[in-house]
C-alpha atoms as a PDB file:
ATOM      1  CA  MET A   1      28.658  12.552  10.738  1.00  0.00           C
ATOM      2  CA  SER A   2      25.329  13.340  12.397  1.00  0.00           C
ATOM      3  CA  ASP A   3      24.135  11.041  15.190  1.00  0.00           C
ATOM      4  CA  GLU A   4      20.539  12.110  14.631  1.00  0.00           C
ATOM      5  CA  ARG A   5      18.124   9.184  14.614  1.00  0.00           C
ATOM      6  CA  ARG A   6      16.597   8.359  11.253  1.00  0.00           C
ATOM      7  CA  LYS A   7      12.836   8.660  11.229  1.00  0.00           C
ATOM      8  CA  ILE A   8      10.727   5.500  11.153  1.00  0.00           C
ATOM      9  CA  ILE A   9       8.270   4.938   8.303  1.00  0.00           C
ATOM     10  CA  TYR A  10       5.555   2.281   8.508  1.00  0.00           C
ATOM     11  CA  SER A  11       3.982   0.942   5.314  1.00  0.00           C
ATOM     12  CA  ALA A  12       1.607  -1.982   4.827  1.00  0.00           C
ATOM     13  CA  MET A  13      -0.368  -3.608   2.037  1.00  0.00           C
ATOM     14  CA  GLN A  14      -3.103  -6.217   2.172  1.00  0.00           C
ATOM     15  CA  PRO A  15      -2.613  -9.542   0.341  1.00  0.00           C
ATOM     16  CA  SER A  16      -6.027  -9.162  -1.262  1.00  0.00           C
ATOM     17  CA  GLY A  17      -4.900  -9.867  -4.808  1.00  0.00           C
ATOM     18  CA  VAL A  18      -2.121  -9.011  -7.242  1.00  0.00           C
ATOM     19  CA  PRO A  19      -1.326  -5.276  -6.879  1.00  0.00           C
ATOM     20  CA  SER A  20      -2.359  -3.129  -9.797  1.00  0.00           C
ATOM     21  CA  LEU A  21      -0.173  -0.780 -11.803  1.00  0.00           C
ATOM     22  CA  GLY A  22      -1.912   1.971  -9.816  1.00  0.00           C
ATOM     23  CA  ASN A  23      -0.855   0.359  -6.505  1.00  0.00           C
ATOM     24  CA  TYR A  24       2.696   0.060  -7.795  1.00  0.00           C
ATOM     25  CA  LEU A  25       3.149   3.540  -9.288  1.00  0.00           C
ATOM     26  CA  GLY A  26       1.194   5.241  -6.508  1.00  0.00           C
ATOM     27  CA  ALA A  27       2.779   3.454  -3.537  1.00  0.00           C
ATOM     28  CA  LEU A  28       5.126   0.490  -3.974  1.00  0.00           C
ATOM     29  CA  LYS A  29       7.509   2.233  -6.370  1.00  0.00           C
ATOM     30  CA  ASN A  30       8.044   4.977  -3.804  1.00  0.00           C
ATOM     31  CA  TRP A  31       8.699   2.493  -0.985  1.00  0.00           C
ATOM     32  CA  LYS A  32      11.982   1.533  -2.622  1.00  0.00           C
ATOM     33  CA  TYR A  33      13.251   5.105  -2.434  1.00  0.00           C
ATOM     34  CA  LEU A  34      12.207   5.569   1.197  1.00  0.00           C
ATOM     35  CA  GLN A  35      14.895   3.064   2.196  1.00  0.00           C
ATOM     36  CA  ASP A  36      17.676   5.567   1.552  1.00  0.00           C
ATOM     37  CA  ASP A  37      16.498   8.128   4.104  1.00  0.00           C
ATOM     38  CA  TYR A  38      14.374   6.290   6.670  1.00  0.00           C
ATOM     39  CA  ASP A  39      14.235   3.174   8.842  1.00  0.00           C
ATOM     40  CA  CYS A  40      11.368   1.286   7.223  1.00  0.00           C
ATOM     41  CA  LEU A  41       8.897  -1.398   8.188  1.00  0.00           C
ATOM     42  CA  PHE A  42       7.092  -3.051   5.278  1.00  0.00           C
ATOM     43  CA  ALA A  43       4.206  -5.269   6.351  1.00  0.00           C
ATOM     44  CA  VAL A  44       1.880  -7.711   4.646  1.00  0.00           C
ATOM     45  CA  ALA A  45      -1.373  -6.822   6.419  1.00  0.00           C
ATOM     46  CA  ASN A  46      -3.012 -10.253   6.322  1.00  0.00           C
ATOM     47  CA  MET A  47      -4.975  -9.660   9.527  1.00  0.00           C
ATOM     48  CA  HIS A  48      -6.773  -6.772   7.856  1.00  0.00           C
ATOM     49  CA  ALA A  49      -7.604  -9.042   4.915  1.00  0.00           C
ATOM     50  CA  LEU A  50      -9.866 -11.161   7.152  1.00  0.00           C
ATOM     51  CA  THR A  51     -12.555  -8.465   7.112  1.00  0.00           C
ATOM     52  CA  VAL A  52     -13.534 -10.077   3.799  1.00  0.00           C
ATOM     53  CA  ARG A  53     -14.111 -13.851   3.570  1.00  0.00           C
ATOM     54  CA  GLN A  54     -10.905 -15.523   2.394  1.00  0.00           C
ATOM     55  CA  ASN A  55      -9.966 -18.905   0.997  1.00  0.00           C
ATOM     56  CA  PRO A  56      -7.243 -19.993   3.494  1.00  0.00           C
ATOM     57  CA  THR A  57      -4.999 -21.617   0.879  1.00  0.00           C
ATOM     58  CA  GLU A  58      -5.249 -18.622  -1.433  1.00  0.00           C
ATOM     59  CA  LEU A  59      -4.611 -16.154   1.409  1.00  0.00           C
ATOM     60  CA  ARG A  60      -1.429 -17.982   2.425  1.00  0.00           C
ATOM     61  CA  LYS A  61      -0.247 -17.993  -1.198  1.00  0.00           C
ATOM     62  CA  ARG A  62      -1.035 -14.314  -1.731  1.00  0.00           C
ATOM     63  CA  THR A  63       0.787 -13.471   1.498  1.00  0.00           C
ATOM     64  CA  ARG A  64       3.934 -15.248   0.330  1.00  0.00           C
ATOM     65  CA  ASP A  65       3.605 -13.747  -3.149  1.00  0.00           C
ATOM     66  CA  LEU A  66       3.407 -10.249  -1.711  1.00  0.00           C
ATOM     67  CA  ILE A  67       6.622 -10.843   0.257  1.00  0.00           C
ATOM     68  CA  ALA A  68       8.247 -12.015  -3.000  1.00  0.00           C
ATOM     69  CA  LEU A  69       6.941  -8.913  -4.756  1.00  0.00           C
ATOM     70  CA  PHE A  70       8.326  -6.643  -2.031  1.00  0.00           C
ATOM     71  CA  LEU A  71      11.730  -8.199  -2.681  1.00  0.00           C
ATOM     72  CA  ALA A  72      11.307  -8.014  -6.461  1.00  0.00           C
ATOM     73  CA  ILE A  73      10.752  -4.247  -6.424  1.00  0.00           C
ATOM     74  CA  GLY A  74      13.957  -3.806  -4.408  1.00  0.00           C
ATOM     75  CA  LEU A  75      12.978  -3.702  -0.741  1.00  0.00           C
ATOM     76  CA  ASP A  76      15.997  -4.766   1.326  1.00  0.00           C
ATOM     77  CA  PRO A  77      15.335  -7.189   4.235  1.00  0.00           C
ATOM     78  CA  GLU A  78      18.919  -6.794   5.471  1.00  0.00           C
ATOM     79  CA  LYS A  79      18.571  -3.067   6.133  1.00  0.00           C
ATOM     80  CA  HIS A  80      14.843  -2.817   6.853  1.00  0.00           C
ATOM     81  CA  ILE A  81      12.063  -4.958   8.290  1.00  0.00           C
ATOM     82  CA  ILE A  82       9.811  -6.967   5.968  1.00  0.00           C
ATOM     83  CA  TYR A  83       7.274  -9.089   7.826  1.00  0.00           C
ATOM     84  CA  VAL A  84       3.817 -10.643   7.932  1.00  0.00           C
ATOM     85  CA  GLN A  85       1.430  -8.920  10.344  1.00  0.00           C
ATOM     86  CA  SER A  86      -0.027 -12.092  11.890  1.00  0.00           C
ATOM     87  CA  ASP A  87       3.488 -13.317  12.772  1.00  0.00           C
ATOM     88  CA  VAL A  88       3.685 -10.565  15.416  1.00  0.00           C
ATOM     89  CA  ASN A  89       1.216 -11.275  18.230  1.00  0.00           C
ATOM     90  CA  ALA A  90       1.536  -7.744  19.582  1.00  0.00           C
ATOM     91  CA  HIS A  91      -0.743  -6.461  16.799  1.00  0.00           C
ATOM     92  CA  ALA A  92      -3.730  -8.399  18.111  1.00  0.00           C
ATOM     93  CA  GLU A  93      -2.947  -7.590  21.745  1.00  0.00           C
ATOM     94  CA  ILE A  94      -2.634  -3.848  21.318  1.00  0.00           C
ATOM     95  CA  ALA A  95      -5.730  -3.655  19.116  1.00  0.00           C
ATOM     96  CA  TRP A  96      -7.916  -4.712  22.070  1.00  0.00           C
ATOM     97  CA  ILE A  97      -6.334  -2.214  24.449  1.00  0.00           C
ATOM     98  CA  LEU A  98      -6.628   0.642  21.947  1.00  0.00           C
ATOM     99  CA  SER A  99     -10.257  -0.261  21.202  1.00  0.00           C
ATOM    100  CA  CYS A 100     -10.977   0.663  24.812  1.00  0.00           C
ATOM    101  CA  PHE A 101      -9.618   4.146  24.072  1.00  0.00           C
ATOM    102  CA  THR A 102     -11.566   4.615  20.840  1.00  0.00           C
ATOM    103  CA  TYR A 103     -15.012   6.191  20.746  1.00  0.00           C
ATOM    104  CA  MET A 104     -17.964   4.808  18.796  1.00  0.00           C
ATOM    105  CA  GLY A 105     -18.564   8.233  17.312  1.00  0.00           C
ATOM    106  CA  GLU A 106     -15.079   8.215  15.810  1.00  0.00           C
ATOM    107  CA  LEU A 107     -15.618   4.841  14.177  1.00  0.00           C
ATOM    108  CA  ASN A 108     -19.066   5.875  12.949  1.00  0.00           C
ATOM    109  CA  ARG A 109     -17.462   8.694  10.961  1.00  0.00           C
ATOM    110  CA  MET A 110     -15.177   6.378   8.995  1.00  0.00           C
ATOM    111  CA  THR A 111     -16.299   6.696   5.381  1.00  0.00           C
ATOM    112  CA  GLN A 112     -14.293   3.665   4.246  1.00  0.00           C
ATOM    113  CA  PHE A 113     -16.388   1.426   6.522  1.00  0.00           C
ATOM    114  CA  LYS A 114     -19.554   2.699   4.877  1.00  0.00           C
ATOM    115  CA  ASP A 115     -18.048   2.130   1.433  1.00  0.00           C
ATOM    116  CA  LYS A 116     -16.861  -1.419   2.195  1.00  0.00           C
ATOM    117  CA  ALA A 117     -20.086  -2.310   3.983  1.00  0.00           C
ATOM    118  CA  SER A 118     -22.042  -1.345   0.874  1.00  0.00           C
ATOM    119  CA  LYS A 119     -19.847  -3.659  -1.232  1.00  0.00           C
ATOM    120  CA  HIS A 120     -20.037  -6.579   1.233  1.00  0.00           C
ATOM    121  CA  SER A 121     -23.595  -6.244   2.565  1.00  0.00           C
ATOM    122  CA  ASP A 122     -23.711  -9.981   3.347  1.00  0.00           C
ATOM    123  CA  ASN A 123     -20.701  -9.734   5.688  1.00  0.00           C
ATOM    124  CA  ILE A 124     -20.774  -6.477   7.658  1.00  0.00           C
ATOM    125  CA  ASN A 125     -18.645  -7.744  10.531  1.00  0.00           C
ATOM    126  CA  ALA A 126     -17.213  -6.117  13.648  1.00  0.00           C
ATOM    127  CA  GLY A 127     -13.686  -6.411  12.263  1.00  0.00           C
ATOM    128  CA  LEU A 128     -14.658  -4.233   9.313  1.00  0.00           C
ATOM    129  CA  TYR A 129     -15.970  -1.671  11.788  1.00  0.00           C
ATOM    130  CA  THR A 130     -12.941  -1.720  14.144  1.00  0.00           C
ATOM    131  CA  TYR A 131     -10.392  -1.962  11.289  1.00  0.00           C
ATOM    132  CA  PRO A 132      -9.038   1.553  12.059  1.00  0.00           C
ATOM    133  CA  VAL A 133      -8.140   0.490  15.617  1.00  0.00           C
ATOM    134  CA  LEU A 134      -6.004  -2.394  14.371  1.00  0.00           C
ATOM    135  CA  MET A 135      -4.405  -0.033  11.865  1.00  0.00           C
ATOM    136  CA  ALA A 136      -3.650   2.424  14.672  1.00  0.00           C
ATOM    137  CA  GLY A 137      -1.989  -0.408  16.587  1.00  0.00           C
ATOM    138  CA  ASP A 138       0.096  -1.332  13.537  1.00  0.00           C
ATOM    139  CA  ILE A 139       1.488   2.181  13.374  1.00  0.00           C
ATOM    140  CA  LEU A 140       1.846   2.967  17.081  1.00  0.00           C
ATOM    141  CA  LEU A 141       3.592  -0.304  18.014  1.00  0.00           C
ATOM    142  CA  TYR A 142       6.699   0.786  16.133  1.00  0.00           C
ATOM    143  CA  GLN A 143       6.756   4.411  17.322  1.00  0.00           C
ATOM    144  CA  SER A 144       6.391   5.397  13.681  1.00  0.00           C
ATOM    145  CA  ASP A 145       7.229   8.974  12.758  1.00  0.00           C
ATOM    146  CA  LEU A 146       5.647   8.895   9.309  1.00  0.00           C
ATOM    147  CA  VAL A 147       3.027   6.894   7.427  1.00  0.00           C
ATOM    148  CA  PRO A 148       2.544   7.091   3.647  1.00  0.00           C
ATOM    149  CA  VAL A 149      -1.197   7.553   3.126  1.00  0.00           C
ATOM    150  CA  GLY A 150      -3.462   8.094   0.163  1.00  0.00           C
ATOM    151  CA  ALA A 151      -6.695  10.046   0.264  1.00  0.00           C
ATOM    152  CA  ASP A 152      -8.675   6.897   1.152  1.00  0.00           C
ATOM    153  CA  GLN A 153      -6.561   6.243   4.256  1.00  0.00           C
ATOM    154  CA  LYS A 154      -6.279   9.816   5.543  1.00  0.00           C
ATOM    155  CA  GLN A 155      -9.154   9.351   8.011  1.00  0.00           C
ATOM    156  CA  HIS A 156      -7.492   6.263   9.459  1.00  0.00           C
ATOM    157  CA  LEU A 157      -4.294   8.149  10.250  1.00  0.00           C
ATOM    158  CA  GLU A 158      -6.316  10.959  11.811  1.00  0.00           C
ATOM    159  CA  ILE A 159      -8.101   8.547  14.178  1.00  0.00           C
ATOM    160  CA  CYS A 160      -4.734   6.899  14.948  1.00  0.00           C
ATOM    161  CA  ARG A 161      -3.371  10.288  16.001  1.00  0.00           C
ATOM    162  CA  ASP A 162      -6.486  10.922  18.119  1.00  0.00           C
ATOM    163  CA  ILE A 163      -6.197   7.559  19.889  1.00  0.00           C
ATOM    164  CA  ALA A 164      -2.485   8.054  20.572  1.00  0.00           C
ATOM    165  CA  GLY A 165      -3.052  11.571  21.873  1.00  0.00           C
ATOM    166  CA  ARG A 166      -5.867  10.395  24.150  1.00  0.00           C
ATOM    167  CA  PHE A 167      -3.727   7.567  25.576  1.00  0.00           C
ATOM    168  CA  ASN A 168      -0.766   9.901  26.079  1.00  0.00           C
ATOM    169  CA  SER A 169      -2.929  12.482  27.853  1.00  0.00           C
ATOM    170  CA  ILE A 170      -3.874   9.832  30.422  1.00  0.00           C
ATOM    171  CA  TYR A 171      -0.621   7.873  30.817  1.00  0.00           C
ATOM    172  CA  GLY A 172       2.159  10.176  29.681  1.00  0.00           C
ATOM    173  CA  ASN A 173       4.317  10.156  26.563  1.00  0.00           C
ATOM    174  CA  VAL A 174       3.854   6.519  25.528  1.00  0.00           C
ATOM    175  CA  PHE A 175       3.234   6.788  21.788  1.00  0.00           C
ATOM    176  CA  LYS A 176       4.914   8.807  19.075  1.00  0.00           C
ATOM    177  CA  ILE A 177       2.215  10.820  17.256  1.00  0.00           C
ATOM    178  CA  PRO A 178       2.693   9.896  13.580  1.00  0.00           C
ATOM    179  CA  ASP A 179       2.532  12.366  10.716  1.00  0.00           C
ATOM    180  CA  PRO A 180       1.400  11.652   7.148  1.00  0.00           C
ATOM    181  CA  TYR A 181       4.169  11.189   4.606  1.00  0.00           C
ATOM    182  CA  ILE A 182       3.544  12.871   1.292  1.00  0.00           C
ATOM    183  CA  PRO A 183       5.944  11.498  -1.344  1.00  0.00           C
ATOM    184  CA  LYS A 184       7.981  13.955  -3.390  1.00  0.00           C
ATOM    185  CA  VAL A 185       6.866  12.132  -6.513  1.00  0.00           C
ATOM    186  CA  GLY A 186       3.601  10.236  -6.596  1.00  0.00           C
ATOM    187  CA  ALA A 187       1.509   9.083  -9.516  1.00  0.00           C
ATOM    188  CA  ARG A 188      -2.268   8.914  -9.225  1.00  0.00           C
ATOM    189  CA  ILE A 189      -3.198   6.338 -11.831  1.00  0.00           C
ATOM    190  CA  MET A 190      -6.792   6.063 -12.992  1.00  0.00           C
ATOM    191  CA  GLY A 191      -8.685   3.168 -14.576  1.00  0.00           C
ATOM    192  CA  LEU A 192      -8.093   2.527 -18.276  1.00  0.00           C
ATOM    193  CA  GLN A 193     -11.795   2.163 -19.023  1.00  0.00           C
ATOM    194  CA  ASN A 194     -12.961   4.571 -16.341  1.00  0.00           C
ATOM    195  CA  PRO A 195     -10.366   7.365 -16.063  1.00  0.00           C
ATOM    196  CA  GLU A 196     -12.598   9.254 -13.637  1.00  0.00           C
ATOM    197  CA  ARG A 197     -11.853   6.709 -10.886  1.00  0.00           C
ATOM    198  CA  LYS A 198      -8.590   5.488  -9.369  1.00  0.00           C
ATOM    199  CA  MET A 199      -7.153   2.231 -10.729  1.00  0.00           C
ATOM    200  CA  SER A 200      -7.424  -0.343  -7.971  1.00  0.00           C
ATOM    201  CA  LYS A 201      -6.858  -4.073  -7.586  1.00  0.00           C
ATOM    202  CA  SER A 202     -10.378  -4.284  -6.116  1.00  0.00           C
ATOM    203  CA  GLU A 203     -11.933  -2.936  -9.327  1.00  0.00           C
ATOM    204  CA  SER A 204     -12.476  -6.276 -11.043  1.00  0.00           C
ATOM    205  CA  ASP A 205     -15.771  -5.512 -12.795  1.00  0.00           C
ATOM    206  CA  ASN A 206     -13.928  -4.809 -16.052  1.00  0.00           C
ATOM    207  CA  LEU A 207     -10.731  -6.766 -16.691  1.00  0.00           C
ATOM    208  CA  ASN A 208      -9.539  -4.171 -19.204  1.00  0.00           C
ATOM    209  CA  ASN A 209      -9.833  -1.377 -16.635  1.00  0.00           C
ATOM    210  CA  VAL A 210      -6.898  -2.536 -14.500  1.00  0.00           C
ATOM    211  CA  VAL A 211      -3.323  -3.501 -15.355  1.00  0.00           C
ATOM    212  CA  TYR A 212      -1.815  -5.847 -12.771  1.00  0.00           C
ATOM    213  CA  ILE A 213       1.890  -5.938 -11.941  1.00  0.00           C
ATOM    214  CA  LEU A 214       2.149  -9.591 -12.940  1.00  0.00           C
ATOM    215  CA  ASP A 215       0.096  -9.411 -16.149  1.00  0.00           C
ATOM    216  CA  GLU A 216       1.831 -11.012 -19.125  1.00  0.00           C
ATOM    217  CA  PRO A 217       3.478  -8.460 -21.466  1.00  0.00           C
ATOM    218  CA  ASN A 218       0.951  -9.027 -24.250  1.00  0.00           C
ATOM    219  CA  VAL A 219      -1.906  -8.611 -21.762  1.00  0.00           C
ATOM    220  CA  ILE A 220      -0.485  -5.291 -20.564  1.00  0.00           C
ATOM    221  CA  ALA A 221      -0.048  -4.045 -24.122  1.00  0.00           C
ATOM    222  CA  ASN A 222      -3.563  -5.088 -25.155  1.00  0.00           C
ATOM    223  CA  LYS A 223      -5.211  -3.493 -22.110  1.00  0.00           C
ATOM    224  CA  ILE A 224      -3.489  -0.190 -22.836  1.00  0.00           C
ATOM    225  CA  LYS A 225      -4.416  -0.422 -26.537  1.00  0.00           C
ATOM    226  CA  ARG A 226      -8.067  -0.691 -25.454  1.00  0.00           C
ATOM    227  CA  ALA A 227      -7.839   2.260 -23.053  1.00  0.00           C
ATOM    228  CA  VAL A 228     -10.551   4.900 -23.332  1.00  0.00           C
ATOM    229  CA  THR A 229      -9.485   8.090 -25.129  1.00  0.00           C
ATOM    230  CA  ASP A 230     -11.796  10.680 -26.738  1.00  0.00           C
ATOM    231  CA  SER A 231     -13.006  11.967 -30.103  1.00  0.00           C
ATOM    232  CA  ASP A 232     -10.198  14.516 -30.358  1.00  0.00           C
ATOM    233  CA  THR A 233      -6.870  13.573 -31.963  1.00  0.00           C
ATOM    234  CA  GLU A 234      -4.471  15.735 -29.953  1.00  0.00           C
ATOM    235  CA  ILE A 235      -2.179  14.187 -27.322  1.00  0.00           C
ATOM    236  CA  ARG A 236      -2.113  16.659 -24.460  1.00  0.00           C
ATOM    237  CA  TYR A 237      -3.092  17.118 -20.840  1.00  0.00           C
ATOM    238  CA  GLY A 238      -6.513  18.542 -20.099  1.00  0.00           C
ATOM    239  CA  GLU A 239      -9.569  18.112 -17.890  1.00  0.00           C
ATOM    240  CA  ASP A 240     -11.488  17.409 -21.089  1.00  0.00           C
ATOM    241  CA  LYS A 241      -9.093  14.522 -21.908  1.00  0.00           C
ATOM    242  CA  PRO A 242      -8.993  12.306 -18.786  1.00  0.00           C
ATOM    243  CA  GLY A 243      -8.083   9.146 -20.705  1.00  0.00           C
ATOM    244  CA  ILE A 244      -5.154  10.715 -22.565  1.00  0.00           C
ATOM    245  CA  SER A 245      -3.987  12.537 -19.426  1.00  0.00           C
ATOM    246  CA  ASN A 246      -3.989   9.251 -17.518  1.00  0.00           C
ATOM    247  CA  LEU A 247      -1.934   7.463 -20.194  1.00  0.00           C
ATOM    248  CA  LEU A 248       0.539  10.372 -20.199  1.00  0.00           C
ATOM    249  CA  ASN A 249       0.832  10.073 -16.405  1.00  0.00           C
ATOM    250  CA  ILE A 250       1.514   6.344 -16.714  1.00  0.00           C
ATOM    251  CA  TYR A 251       4.144   6.995 -19.383  1.00  0.00           C
ATOM    252  CA  CYS A 252       5.842   9.632 -17.195  1.00  0.00           C
ATOM    253  CA  ALA A 253       5.815   7.339 -14.156  1.00  0.00           C
ATOM    254  CA  VAL A 254       7.517   4.414 -15.923  1.00  0.00           C
ATOM    255  CA  THR A 255      10.019   6.503 -17.931  1.00  0.00           C
ATOM    256  CA  ASP A 256      10.772   9.227 -15.325  1.00  0.00           C
ATOM    257  CA  LYS A 257      10.045  11.864 -17.968  1.00  0.00           C
ATOM    258  CA  THR A 258       8.384  15.183 -17.227  1.00  0.00           C
ATOM    259  CA  PRO A 259       4.858  15.899 -18.503  1.00  0.00           C
ATOM    260  CA  ASP A 260       6.255  18.363 -21.048  1.00  0.00           C
ATOM    261  CA  GLU A 261       8.759  15.775 -22.303  1.00  0.00           C
ATOM    262  CA  ALA A 262       6.010  13.173 -22.588  1.00  0.00           C
ATOM    263  CA  VAL A 263       3.739  15.439 -24.613  1.00  0.00           C
ATOM    264  CA  ASN A 264       6.681  16.387 -26.849  1.00  0.00           C
ATOM    265  CA  ASP A 265       7.529  12.704 -27.434  1.00  0.00           C
ATOM    266  CA  PHE A 266       4.128  12.181 -29.032  1.00  0.00           C
ATOM    267  CA  LYS A 267       3.815  15.370 -31.029  1.00  0.00           C
ATOM    268  CA  GLY A 268       2.111  14.498 -34.298  1.00  0.00           C
ATOM    269  CA  CYS A 269       1.356  10.904 -33.258  1.00  0.00           C
ATOM    270  CA  GLY A 270      -2.043   9.295 -33.602  1.00  0.00           C
ATOM    271  CA  TYR A 271      -3.774   7.584 -30.686  1.00  0.00           C
ATOM    272  CA  GLY A 272      -2.892   4.106 -31.963  1.00  0.00           C
ATOM    273  CA  GLU A 273       0.850   4.809 -32.051  1.00  0.00           C
ATOM    274  CA  PHE A 274       0.636   6.663 -28.726  1.00  0.00           C
ATOM    275  CA  LYS A 275      -1.043   3.781 -26.889  1.00  0.00           C
ATOM    276  CA  LYS A 276       1.334   1.260 -28.445  1.00  0.00           C
ATOM    277  CA  SER A 277       4.327   3.266 -27.149  1.00  0.00           C
ATOM    278  CA  VAL A 278       2.830   3.629 -23.664  1.00  0.00           C
ATOM    279  CA  GLY A 279       2.191  -0.118 -23.559  1.00  0.00           C
ATOM    280  CA  GLU A 280       5.769  -0.891 -24.593  1.00  0.00           C
ATOM    281  CA  ALA A 281       7.136   1.482 -21.934  1.00  0.00           C
ATOM    282  CA  VAL A 282       5.069  -0.191 -19.213  1.00  0.00           C
ATOM    283  CA  VAL A 283       6.085  -3.690 -20.357  1.00  0.00           C
ATOM    284  CA  GLU A 284       9.800  -2.777 -20.316  1.00  0.00           C
ATOM    285  CA  HIS A 285       9.509  -1.169 -16.883  1.00  0.00           C
ATOM    286  CA  MET A 286       7.748  -4.195 -15.404  1.00  0.00           C
ATOM    287  CA  ARG A 287       9.939  -6.835 -17.083  1.00  0.00           C
ATOM    288  CA  PRO A 288      12.793  -6.922 -14.493  1.00  0.00           C
ATOM    289  CA  ILE A 289      10.290  -6.854 -11.618  1.00  0.00           C
ATOM    290  CA  GLN A 290       8.369  -9.778 -13.069  1.00  0.00           C
ATOM    291  CA  GLU A 291      11.580 -11.736 -13.650  1.00  0.00           C
ATOM    292  CA  SER A 292      12.765 -11.087 -10.074  1.00  0.00           C
ATOM    293  CA  PHE A 293       9.358 -12.058  -8.723  1.00  0.00           C
ATOM    294  CA  LYS A 294       9.566 -15.451 -10.455  1.00  0.00           C
ATOM    295  CA  GLU A 295      12.998 -16.057  -8.935  1.00  0.00           C
ATOM    296  CA  TYR A 296      12.011 -15.063  -5.405  1.00  0.00           C
ATOM    297  CA  SER A 297       8.636 -16.829  -5.408  1.00  0.00           C
ATOM    298  CA  SER A 298      10.288 -20.104  -6.476  1.00  0.00           C
ATOM    299  CA  ASP A 299      12.778 -19.938  -3.569  1.00  0.00           C
ATOM    300  CA  LYS A 300      10.592 -21.051  -0.657  1.00  0.00           C
ATOM    301  CA  SER A 301      13.460 -21.324   1.821  1.00  0.00           C
ATOM    302  CA  TYR A 302      14.545 -17.741   1.218  1.00  0.00           C
ATOM    303  CA  ILE A 303      10.992 -16.391   1.585  1.00  0.00           C
ATOM    304  CA  ASP A 304      10.705 -18.352   4.850  1.00  0.00           C
ATOM    305  CA  LYS A 305      14.010 -16.876   6.051  1.00  0.00           C
ATOM    306  CA  VAL A 306      12.942 -13.312   5.249  1.00  0.00           C
ATOM    307  CA  THR A 307       9.558 -13.655   6.974  1.00  0.00           C
ATOM    308  CA  LYS A 308      11.003 -15.401  10.035  1.00  0.00           C
ATOM    309  CA  GLU A 309      13.786 -12.860  10.544  1.00  0.00           C
ATOM    310  CA  GLY A 310      11.417  -9.987   9.790  1.00  0.00           C
ATOM    311  CA  ALA A 311       8.941 -11.243  12.399  1.00  0.00           C
ATOM    312  CA  GLN A 312      11.721 -11.502  14.989  1.00  0.00           C
ATOM    313  CA  LYS A 313      12.907  -7.932  14.366  1.00  0.00           C
ATOM    314  CA  ALA A 314       9.353  -6.568  14.290  1.00  0.00           C
ATOM    315  CA  SER A 315       8.380  -8.458  17.459  1.00  0.00           C
ATOM    316  CA  TYR A 316      11.349  -7.055  19.349  1.00  0.00           C
ATOM    317  CA  LEU A 317      10.325  -3.476  18.560  1.00  0.00           C
ATOM    318  CA  ALA A 318       6.588  -4.088  18.966  1.00  0.00           C
ATOM    319  CA  ASN A 319       6.930  -5.790  22.343  1.00  0.00           C
ATOM    320  CA  LYS A 320       8.946  -2.893  23.740  1.00  0.00           C
ATOM    321  CA  THR A 321       5.961  -0.651  23.108  1.00  0.00           C
ATOM    322  CA  LEU A 322       3.366  -3.248  24.087  1.00  0.00           C
ATOM    323  CA  ASN A 323       5.023  -3.955  27.451  1.00  0.00           C
ATOM    324  CA  LYS A 324       5.046  -0.254  28.235  1.00  0.00           C
ATOM    325  CA  VAL A 325       1.341  -0.042  27.338  1.00  0.00           C
ATOM    326  CA  LYS A 326       0.475  -3.104  29.435  1.00  0.00           C
ATOM    327  CA  LYS A 327       2.229  -1.628  32.449  1.00  0.00           C
ATOM    328  CA  LYS A 328       0.463   1.714  32.029  1.00  0.00           C
ATOM    329  CA  VAL A 329      -3.044   0.192  31.883  1.00  0.00           C
ATOM    330  CA  GLY A 330      -2.453  -2.076  34.878  1.00  0.00           C
ATOM    331  CA  TYR A 331      -1.694  -5.548  33.505  1.00  0.00           C
ATOM    332  CA  PRO A 332       0.370  -7.760  35.857  1.00  0.00           C
ATOM    333  CA  MET A 333       4.037  -7.538  34.868  1.00  0.00           C
ATOM    334  CA  ASN A 334       5.975 -10.793  35.324  1.00  0.00           C
END
């Protein structure tokens, strides 16, 4: 048996609403499989959520619900660390130190800040601007080897690597420089009404555009029935058929079929029958997750146990790094 250390993967999601089918198939579904090969930390990033005005009661509920959802999709709190970001004080402490090693020019280049600022023009706050520094702290505290990132987060990992490299060049080998993790299988799911743009839980302008993990079965089926297609009648992949291609990708992701198998399944079918079958496949895939979510979310004591134990494990690891950082920058060490 090899004694080689398993690599550490850090993953986090904001409790900013019920995750969409796109969030699930593009990220959460893969988290479950990471557990077999890596030591994983799965965080509810509620500190990041404060960059947008929140209702305190709703934020607490969404935070707990996201923990329940992590458990429902099969994340194992006995073998890995599941925790709430704000329960670990080291995140806030290291964010300040790292902000002193981050250049304004680097933050000015962050395209996601510009995008979010345009959507929340009445609340362009400093936290929204320094968000990448807190994210860097999240990752670096745990000496993470790998971080699953989508295209919209790639810049944030790049600045994290720059900050870590800058700190290490001054103080020695303090931080592990994390690499991006590209999943072997990843589904990029687009909006049902706008298949040119990624399906996202933040896209709430059209309720039929987004399927949410906890949507009722009939709601899921009806949203997929209303999905945009085209004037053609052929079910195939093609740049000229973004709506059909997206539904085929969804079908493949929930059935584990190949694209060729999916196209073959619907040979000779009309769009109505095709969309009905895709809807049924999604409903059946989500059914056990929804049932598990109801069980976990109703067990308050178990959710409390998971978050408390997760915070203890995360704090132990985070403080090892934080204490090293404090010593390096010259804080008094008691």
